[in-house]
Amino acid sequence: PNGPLGSCPDHSGAEADMYCTECKLPVCQHCRKLGNHSAGEAKNHRLIGLREAYQHALKESSSTANSMLSERQRVEQQQVAQLD
């Protein structure tokens, strides 16, 4: 659980520990101090922990899958009702 989180796409060898919710990219401390998330509009982007982003993505994926399953079941029930 406390191992490396992943590498930064902009700084090879740097460990990304944050995730930009607007750019949808992992961000390392170099990005925040000197890189693309240190100035301009990106400086004000919302950053969350990489683990939090991963948990959110899992929840979202599960929710989407459940929604798709419910829709499929609804369509199947309609098709069965048409056969009767």
PDB file of N, CA and C in Angstrom:
ATOM      1  N   PRO A   1       0.789  -1.217   0.000  1.00  0.00           N
ATOM      2  CA  PRO A   1       0.000   0.000   0.000  1.00  0.00           C
ATOM      3  C   PRO A   1       0.830   1.279   0.000  1.00  0.00           C
ATOM      4  N   ASN A   2       2.050   1.260   0.546  1.00  0.00           N
ATOM      5  CA  ASN A   2       2.853   2.478   0.598  1.00  0.00           C
ATOM      6  C   ASN A   2       3.984   2.474  -0.424  1.00  0.00           C
ATOM      7  N   GLY A   3       3.872   1.648  -1.461  1.00  0.00           N
ATOM      8  CA  GLY A   3       4.896   1.576  -2.497  1.00  0.00           C
ATOM      9  C   GLY A   3       4.797   2.745  -3.449  1.00  0.00           C
ATOM     10  N   PRO A   4       5.622   2.723  -4.494  1.00  0.00           N
ATOM     11  CA  PRO A   4       5.609   3.804  -5.480  1.00  0.00           C
ATOM     12  C   PRO A   4       4.240   3.929  -6.143  1.00  0.00           C
ATOM     13  N   LEU A   5       3.842   5.157  -6.408  1.00  0.00           N
ATOM     14  CA  LEU A   5       2.523   5.402  -6.981  1.00  0.00           C
ATOM     15  C   LEU A   5       2.534   5.368  -8.494  1.00  0.00           C
ATOM     16  N   GLY A   6       3.596   5.778  -9.104  1.00  0.00           N
ATOM     17  CA  GLY A   6       3.679   5.818 -10.551  1.00  0.00           C
ATOM     18  C   GLY A   6       4.643   6.891 -10.992  1.00  0.00           C
ATOM     19  N   SER A   7       4.990   6.857 -12.254  1.00  0.00           N
ATOM     20  CA  SER A   7       5.947   7.843 -12.723  1.00  0.00           C
ATOM     21  C   SER A   7       5.241   8.999 -13.413  1.00  0.00           C
ATOM     22  N   CYS A   8       5.887  10.122 -13.375  1.00  0.00           N
ATOM     23  CA  CYS A   8       5.359  11.348 -13.970  1.00  0.00           C
ATOM     24  C   CYS A   8       5.535  11.278 -15.487  1.00  0.00           C
ATOM     25  N   PRO A   9       4.501  11.619 -16.251  1.00  0.00           N
ATOM     26  CA  PRO A   9       4.639  11.579 -17.703  1.00  0.00           C
ATOM     27  C   PRO A   9       5.581  12.661 -18.247  1.00  0.00           C
ATOM     28  N   ASP A  10       5.818  13.733 -17.489  1.00  0.00           N
ATOM     29  CA  ASP A  10       6.672  14.828 -17.951  1.00  0.00           C
ATOM     30  C   ASP A  10       8.103  14.761 -17.421  1.00  0.00           C
ATOM     31  N   HIS A  11       8.320  14.097 -16.307  1.00  0.00           N
ATOM     32  CA  HIS A  11       9.643  14.046 -15.684  1.00  0.00           C
ATOM     33  C   HIS A  11      10.033  12.583 -15.447  1.00  0.00           C
ATOM     34  N   SER A  12      10.769  12.022 -16.381  1.00  0.00           N
ATOM     35  CA  SER A  12      11.144  10.610 -16.265  1.00  0.00           C
ATOM     36  C   SER A  12      11.940  10.394 -14.984  1.00  0.00           C
ATOM     37  N   GLY A  13      11.599   9.364 -14.308  1.00  0.00           N
ATOM     38  CA  GLY A  13      12.268   9.048 -13.054  1.00  0.00           C
ATOM     39  C   GLY A  13      11.634   9.692 -11.832  1.00  0.00           C
ATOM     40  N   ALA A  14      10.743  10.645 -12.032  1.00  0.00           N
ATOM     41  CA  ALA A  14      10.073  11.300 -10.900  1.00  0.00           C
ATOM     42  C   ALA A  14       8.774  10.562 -10.579  1.00  0.00           C
ATOM     43  N   GLU A  15       8.539  10.397  -9.301  1.00  0.00           N
ATOM     44  CA  GLU A  15       7.326   9.710  -8.867  1.00  0.00           C
ATOM     45  C   GLU A  15       6.160  10.693  -8.798  1.00  0.00           C
ATOM     46  N   ALA A  16       5.087  10.365  -9.492  1.00  0.00           N
ATOM     47  CA  ALA A  16       3.869  11.184  -9.427  1.00  0.00           C
ATOM     48  C   ALA A  16       3.126  10.822  -8.157  1.00  0.00           C
ATOM     49  N   ASP A  17       2.753  11.825  -7.381  1.00  0.00           N
ATOM     50  CA  ASP A  17       2.022  11.570  -6.146  1.00  0.00           C
ATOM     51  C   ASP A  17       0.673  12.291  -6.124  1.00  0.00           C
ATOM     52  N   MET A  18       0.432  13.129  -7.134  1.00  0.00           N
ATOM     53  CA  MET A  18      -0.827  13.867  -7.219  1.00  0.00           C
ATOM     54  C   MET A  18      -1.450  13.625  -8.590  1.00  0.00           C
ATOM     55  N   TYR A  19      -2.720  14.013  -8.709  1.00  0.00           N
ATOM     56  CA  TYR A  19      -3.449  13.855  -9.960  1.00  0.00           C
ATOM     57  C   TYR A  19      -4.217  15.135 -10.227  1.00  0.00           C
ATOM     58  N   CYS A  20      -4.058  15.682 -11.424  1.00  0.00           N
ATOM     59  CA  CYS A  20      -4.776  16.896 -11.800  1.00  0.00           C
ATOM     60  C   CYS A  20      -6.149  16.496 -12.322  1.00  0.00           C
ATOM     61  N   THR A  21      -7.191  16.967 -11.647  1.00  0.00           N
ATOM     62  CA  THR A  21      -8.556  16.583 -12.029  1.00  0.00           C
ATOM     63  C   THR A  21      -9.003  17.276 -13.311  1.00  0.00           C
ATOM     64  N   GLU A  22      -8.317  18.330 -13.728  1.00  0.00           N
ATOM     65  CA  GLU A  22      -8.679  19.028 -14.960  1.00  0.00           C
ATOM     66  C   GLU A  22      -7.916  18.472 -16.164  1.00  0.00           C
ATOM     67  N   CYS A  23      -6.615  18.258 -16.013  1.00  0.00           N
ATOM     68  CA  CYS A  23      -5.806  17.713 -17.109  1.00  0.00           C
ATOM     69  C   CYS A  23      -5.959  16.194 -17.222  1.00  0.00           C
ATOM     70  N   LYS A  24      -6.435  15.584 -16.136  1.00  0.00           N
ATOM     71  CA  LYS A  24      -6.574  14.120 -16.068  1.00  0.00           C
ATOM     72  C   LYS A  24      -5.211  13.437 -16.241  1.00  0.00           C
ATOM     73  N   LEU A  25      -4.204  13.987 -15.536  1.00  0.00           N
ATOM     74  CA  LEU A  25      -2.843  13.466 -15.611  1.00  0.00           C
ATOM     75  C   LEU A  25      -2.214  13.398 -14.232  1.00  0.00           C
ATOM     76  N   PRO A  26      -1.315  12.415 -14.024  1.00  0.00           N
ATOM     77  CA  PRO A  26      -0.543  12.395 -12.783  1.00  0.00           C
ATOM     78  C   PRO A  26       0.450  13.555 -12.770  1.00  0.00           C
ATOM     79  N   VAL A  27       0.741  14.051 -11.574  1.00  0.00           N
ATOM     80  CA  VAL A  27       1.609  15.218 -11.407  1.00  0.00           C
ATOM     81  C   VAL A  27       2.615  14.919 -10.294  1.00  0.00           C
ATOM     82  N   CYS A  28       3.879  15.278 -10.530  1.00  0.00           N
ATOM     83  CA  CYS A  28       4.917  15.077  -9.506  1.00  0.00           C
ATOM     84  C   CYS A  28       5.255  16.419  -8.853  1.00  0.00           C
ATOM     85  N   GLN A  29       6.137  16.380  -7.865  1.00  0.00           N
ATOM     86  CA  GLN A  29       6.494  17.622  -7.191  1.00  0.00           C
ATOM     87  C   GLN A  29       7.258  18.567  -8.115  1.00  0.00           C
ATOM     88  N   HIS A  30       7.980  18.042  -9.107  1.00  0.00           N
ATOM     89  CA  HIS A  30       8.681  18.902 -10.064  1.00  0.00           C
ATOM     90  C   HIS A  30       7.669  19.695 -10.897  1.00  0.00           C
ATOM     91  N   CYS A  31       6.573  19.039 -11.272  1.00  0.00           N
ATOM     92  CA  CYS A  31       5.515  19.735 -12.025  1.00  0.00           C
ATOM     93  C   CYS A  31       4.940  20.881 -11.200  1.00  0.00           C
ATOM     94  N   ARG A  32       4.758  20.634  -9.911  1.00  0.00           N
ATOM     95  CA  ARG A  32       4.153  21.644  -9.038  1.00  0.00           C
ATOM     96  C   ARG A  32       5.103  22.785  -8.719  1.00  0.00           C
ATOM     97  N   LYS A  33       6.405  22.509  -8.682  1.00  0.00           N
ATOM     98  CA  LYS A  33       7.371  23.544  -8.298  1.00  0.00           C
ATOM     99  C   LYS A  33       7.956  24.298  -9.491  1.00  0.00           C
ATOM    100  N   LEU A  34       8.264  23.568 -10.572  1.00  0.00           N
ATOM    101  CA  LEU A  34       8.935  24.193 -11.712  1.00  0.00           C
ATOM    102  C   LEU A  34       8.285  23.884 -13.058  1.00  0.00           C
ATOM    103  N   GLY A  35       7.468  22.884 -13.102  1.00  0.00           N
ATOM    104  CA  GLY A  35       6.931  22.404 -14.371  1.00  0.00           C
ATOM    105  C   GLY A  35       5.595  22.994 -14.763  1.00  0.00           C
ATOM    106  N   ASN A  36       4.842  22.210 -15.522  1.00  0.00           N
ATOM    107  CA  ASN A  36       3.611  22.702 -16.132  1.00  0.00           C
ATOM    108  C   ASN A  36       2.501  23.048 -15.143  1.00  0.00           C
ATOM    109  N   HIS A  37       2.594  22.640 -13.892  1.00  0.00           N
ATOM    110  CA  HIS A  37       1.579  22.991 -12.892  1.00  0.00           C
ATOM    111  C   HIS A  37       2.116  23.992 -11.866  1.00  0.00           C
ATOM    112  N   SER A  38       3.157  24.718 -12.253  1.00  0.00           N
ATOM    113  CA  SER A  38       3.744  25.705 -11.331  1.00  0.00           C
ATOM    114  C   SER A  38       3.347  27.137 -11.669  1.00  0.00           C
ATOM    115  N   ALA A  39       2.783  27.356 -12.835  1.00  0.00           N
ATOM    116  CA  ALA A  39       2.443  28.723 -13.243  1.00  0.00           C
ATOM    117  C   ALA A  39       1.248  28.706 -14.192  1.00  0.00           C
ATOM    118  N   GLY A  40       0.753  29.879 -14.459  1.00  0.00           N
ATOM    119  CA  GLY A  40      -0.353  30.011 -15.402  1.00  0.00           C
ATOM    120  C   GLY A  40      -1.642  29.402 -14.875  1.00  0.00           C
ATOM    121  N   GLU A  41      -2.516  29.086 -15.789  1.00  0.00           N
ATOM    122  CA  GLU A  41      -3.824  28.540 -15.428  1.00  0.00           C
ATOM    123  C   GLU A  41      -3.709  27.202 -14.689  1.00  0.00           C
ATOM    124  N   ALA A  42      -2.756  26.375 -15.119  1.00  0.00           N
ATOM    125  CA  ALA A  42      -2.603  25.047 -14.515  1.00  0.00           C
ATOM    126  C   ALA A  42      -2.222  25.118 -13.038  1.00  0.00           C
ATOM    127  N   LYS A  43      -1.630  26.231 -12.615  1.00  0.00           N
ATOM    128  CA  LYS A  43      -1.242  26.377 -11.203  1.00  0.00           C
ATOM    129  C   LYS A  43      -2.469  26.317 -10.292  1.00  0.00           C
ATOM    130  N   ASN A  44      -3.618  26.725 -10.813  1.00  0.00           N
ATOM    131  CA  ASN A  44      -4.844  26.749 -10.017  1.00  0.00           C
ATOM    132  C   ASN A  44      -5.717  25.511 -10.202  1.00  0.00           C
ATOM    133  N   HIS A  45      -5.229  24.538 -10.979  1.00  0.00           N
ATOM    134  CA  HIS A  45      -5.997  23.304 -11.153  1.00  0.00           C
ATOM    135  C   HIS A  45      -6.098  22.559  -9.832  1.00  0.00           C
ATOM    136  N   ARG A  46      -7.187  21.837  -9.668  1.00  0.00           N
ATOM    137  CA  ARG A  46      -7.390  21.050  -8.451  1.00  0.00           C
ATOM    138  C   ARG A  46      -6.560  19.776  -8.530  1.00  0.00           C
ATOM    139  N   LEU A  47      -5.704  19.572  -7.540  1.00  0.00           N
ATOM    140  CA  LEU A  47      -4.889  18.367  -7.455  1.00  0.00           C
ATOM    141  C   LEU A  47      -5.372  17.528  -6.285  1.00  0.00           C
ATOM    142  N   ILE A  48      -5.456  16.240  -6.516  1.00  0.00           N
ATOM    143  CA  ILE A  48      -5.810  15.310  -5.444  1.00  0.00           C
ATOM    144  C   ILE A  48      -4.741  14.228  -5.393  1.00  0.00           C
ATOM    145  N   GLY A  49      -4.695  13.524  -4.274  1.00  0.00           N
ATOM    146  CA  GLY A  49      -3.735  12.437  -4.146  1.00  0.00           C
ATOM    147  C   GLY A  49      -3.982  11.371  -5.206  1.00  0.00           C
ATOM    148  N   LEU A  50      -2.921  10.755  -5.673  1.00  0.00           N
ATOM    149  CA  LEU A  50      -3.037   9.742  -6.715  1.00  0.00           C
ATOM    150  C   LEU A  50      -3.875   8.550  -6.244  1.00  0.00           C
ATOM    151  N   ARG A  51      -3.729   8.180  -4.998  1.00  0.00           N
ATOM    152  CA  ARG A  51      -4.531   7.067  -4.458  1.00  0.00           C
ATOM    153  C   ARG A  51      -6.015   7.439  -4.428  1.00  0.00           C
ATOM    154  N   GLU A  52      -6.311   8.680  -4.062  1.00  0.00           N
ATOM    155  CA  GLU A  52      -7.699   9.144  -4.048  1.00  0.00           C
ATOM    156  C   GLU A  52      -8.281   9.119  -5.465  1.00  0.00           C
ATOM    157  N   ALA A  53      -7.482   9.538  -6.440  1.00  0.00           N
ATOM    158  CA  ALA A  53      -7.922   9.528  -7.839  1.00  0.00           C
ATOM    159  C   ALA A  53      -8.214   8.101  -8.294  1.00  0.00           C
ATOM    160  N   TYR A  54      -7.369   7.175  -7.885  1.00  0.00           N
ATOM    161  CA  TYR A  54      -7.557   5.768  -8.244  1.00  0.00           C
ATOM    162  C   TYR A  54      -8.850   5.228  -7.632  1.00  0.00           C
ATOM    163  N   GLN A  55      -9.077   5.517  -6.372  1.00  0.00           N
ATOM    164  CA  GLN A  55     -10.306   5.065  -5.706  1.00  0.00           C
ATOM    165  C   GLN A  55     -11.544   5.662  -6.376  1.00  0.00           C
ATOM    166  N   HIS A  56     -11.465   6.941  -6.737  1.00  0.00           N
ATOM    167  CA  HIS A  56     -12.577   7.607  -7.415  1.00  0.00           C
ATOM    168  C   HIS A  56     -12.849   6.939  -8.766  1.00  0.00           C
ATOM    169  N   ALA A  57     -11.785   6.631  -9.505  1.00  0.00           N
ATOM    170  CA  ALA A  57     -11.941   5.982 -10.809  1.00  0.00           C
ATOM    171  C   ALA A  57     -12.578   4.599 -10.658  1.00  0.00           C
ATOM    172  N   LEU A  58     -12.195   3.858  -9.629  1.00  0.00           N
ATOM    173  CA  LEU A  58     -12.799   2.546  -9.387  1.00  0.00           C
ATOM    174  C   LEU A  58     -14.288   2.671  -9.086  1.00  0.00           C
ATOM    175  N   LYS A  59     -14.641   3.645  -8.249  1.00  0.00           N
ATOM    176  CA  LYS A  59     -16.047   3.874  -7.908  1.00  0.00           C
ATOM    177  C   LYS A  59     -16.854   4.250  -9.140  1.00  0.00           C
ATOM    178  N   GLU A  60     -16.298   5.156  -9.930  1.00  0.00           N
ATOM    179  CA  GLU A  60     -16.974   5.625 -11.144  1.00  0.00           C
ATOM    180  C   GLU A  60     -17.166   4.475 -12.131  1.00  0.00           C
ATOM    181  N   SER A  61     -16.149   3.662 -12.275  1.00  0.00           N
ATOM    182  CA  SER A  61     -16.216   2.515 -13.173  1.00  0.00           C
ATOM    183  C   SER A  61     -17.279   1.527 -12.721  1.00  0.00           C
ATOM    184  N   SER A  62     -17.325   1.280 -11.434  1.00  0.00           N
ATOM    185  CA  SER A  62     -18.321   0.367 -10.871  1.00  0.00           C
ATOM    186  C   SER A  62     -19.730   0.913 -11.069  1.00  0.00           C
ATOM    187  N   SER A  63     -19.892   2.200 -10.846  1.00  0.00           N
ATOM    188  CA  SER A  63     -21.191   2.837 -11.018  1.00  0.00           C
ATOM    189  C   SER A  63     -21.650   2.747 -12.469  1.00  0.00           C
ATOM    190  N   THR A  64     -20.740   2.990 -13.405  1.00  0.00           N
ATOM    191  CA  THR A  64     -21.063   2.904 -14.833  1.00  0.00           C
ATOM    192  C   THR A  64     -21.449   1.473 -15.201  1.00  0.00           C
ATOM    193  N   ALA A  65     -20.703   0.503 -14.697  1.00  0.00           N
ATOM    194  CA  ALA A  65     -21.004  -0.899 -14.991  1.00  0.00           C
ATOM    195  C   ALA A  65     -22.378  -1.277 -14.440  1.00  0.00           C
ATOM    196  N   ASN A  66     -22.698  -0.836 -13.227  1.00  0.00           N
ATOM    197  CA  ASN A  66     -24.004  -1.137 -12.639  1.00  0.00           C
ATOM    198  C   ASN A  66     -25.129  -0.503 -13.441  1.00  0.00           C
ATOM    199  N   SER A  67     -24.901   0.704 -13.909  1.00  0.00           N
ATOM    200  CA  SER A  67     -25.898   1.404 -14.713  1.00  0.00           C
ATOM    201  C   SER A  67     -26.135   0.679 -16.031  1.00  0.00           C
ATOM    202  N   MET A  68     -25.070   0.233 -16.648  1.00  0.00           N
ATOM    203  CA  MET A  68     -25.191  -0.501 -17.910  1.00  0.00           C
ATOM    204  C   MET A  68     -25.921  -1.825 -17.704  1.00  0.00           C
ATOM    205  N   LEU A  69     -25.627  -2.490 -16.609  1.00  0.00           N
ATOM    206  CA  LEU A  69     -26.289  -3.755 -16.304  1.00  0.00           C
ATOM    207  C   LEU A  69     -27.778  -3.539 -16.081  1.00  0.00           C
ATOM    208  N   SER A  70     -28.139  -2.498 -15.355  1.00  0.00           N
ATOM    209  CA  SER A  70     -29.546  -2.196 -15.117  1.00  0.00           C
ATOM    210  C   SER A  70     -30.272  -1.912 -16.423  1.00  0.00           C
ATOM    211  N   GLU A  71     -29.635  -1.151 -17.301  1.00  0.00           N
ATOM    212  CA  GLU A  71     -30.243  -0.829 -18.599  1.00  0.00           C
ATOM    213  C   GLU A  71     -30.412  -2.100 -19.436  1.00  0.00           C
ATOM    214  N   ARG A  72     -29.421  -2.963 -19.418  1.00  0.00           N
ATOM    215  CA  ARG A  72     -29.511  -4.223 -20.173  1.00  0.00           C
ATOM    216  C   ARG A  72     -30.658  -5.082 -19.646  1.00  0.00           C
ATOM    217  N   GLN A  73     -30.781  -5.158 -18.336  1.00  0.00           N
ATOM    218  CA  GLN A  73     -31.869  -5.947 -17.748  1.00  0.00           C
ATOM    219  C   GLN A  73     -33.227  -5.369 -18.125  1.00  0.00           C
ATOM    220  N   ARG A  74     -33.333  -4.045 -18.153  1.00  0.00           N
ATOM    221  CA  ARG A  74     -34.587  -3.389 -18.533  1.00  0.00           C
ATOM    222  C   ARG A  74     -34.948  -3.723 -19.978  1.00  0.00           C
ATOM    223  N   VAL A  75     -33.973  -3.646 -20.876  1.00  0.00           N
ATOM    224  CA  VAL A  75     -34.206  -3.948 -22.293  1.00  0.00           C
ATOM    225  C   VAL A  75     -34.601  -5.408 -22.468  1.00  0.00           C
ATOM    226  N   GLU A  76     -33.917  -6.302 -21.765  1.00  0.00           N
ATOM    227  CA  GLU A  76     -34.253  -7.732 -21.863  1.00  0.00           C
ATOM    228  C   GLU A  76     -35.668  -7.994 -21.370  1.00  0.00           C
ATOM    229  N   GLN A  77     -36.077  -7.332 -20.285  1.00  0.00           N
ATOM    230  CA  GLN A  77     -37.427  -7.516 -19.780  1.00  0.00           C
ATOM    231  C   GLN A  77     -38.463  -7.019 -20.796  1.00  0.00           C
ATOM    232  N   GLN A  78     -38.154  -5.915 -21.464  1.00  0.00           N
ATOM    233  CA  GLN A  78     -39.070  -5.415 -22.492  1.00  0.00           C
ATOM    234  C   GLN A  78     -39.187  -6.408 -23.652  1.00  0.00           C
ATOM    235  N   GLN A  79     -38.055  -6.966 -24.046  1.00  0.00           N
ATOM    236  CA  GLN A  79     -38.065  -7.923 -25.149  1.00  0.00           C
ATOM    237  C   GLN A  79     -38.837  -9.183 -24.782  1.00  0.00           C
ATOM    238  N   VAL A  80     -38.682  -9.653 -23.574  1.00  0.00           N
ATOM    239  CA  VAL A  80     -39.417 -10.831 -23.116  1.00  0.00           C
ATOM    240  C   VAL A  80     -40.911 -10.519 -23.062  1.00  0.00           C
ATOM    241  N   ALA A  81     -41.259  -9.331 -22.603  1.00  0.00           N
ATOM    242  CA  ALA A  81     -42.674  -8.940 -22.527  1.00  0.00           C
ATOM    243  C   ALA A  81     -43.290  -8.880 -23.928  1.00  0.00           C
ATOM    244  N   GLN A  82     -42.514  -8.469 -24.917  1.00  0.00           N
ATOM    245  CA  GLN A  82     -43.033  -8.414 -26.298  1.00  0.00           C
ATOM    246  C   GLN A  82     -43.268  -9.804 -26.852  1.00  0.00           C
ATOM    247  N   LEU A  83     -42.516 -10.779 -26.368  1.00  0.00           N
ATOM    248  CA  LEU A  83     -42.674 -12.154 -26.848  1.00  0.00           C
ATOM    249  C   LEU A  83     -43.959 -12.792 -26.296  1.00  0.00           C
ATOM    250  N   ASP A  84     -44.400 -12.341 -25.146  1.00  0.00           N
ATOM    251  CA  ASP A  84     -45.590 -12.929 -24.506  1.00  0.00           C
ATOM    252  C   ASP A  84     -46.848 -12.536 -25.174  1.00  0.00           C
TER     253      ASP A  84
END
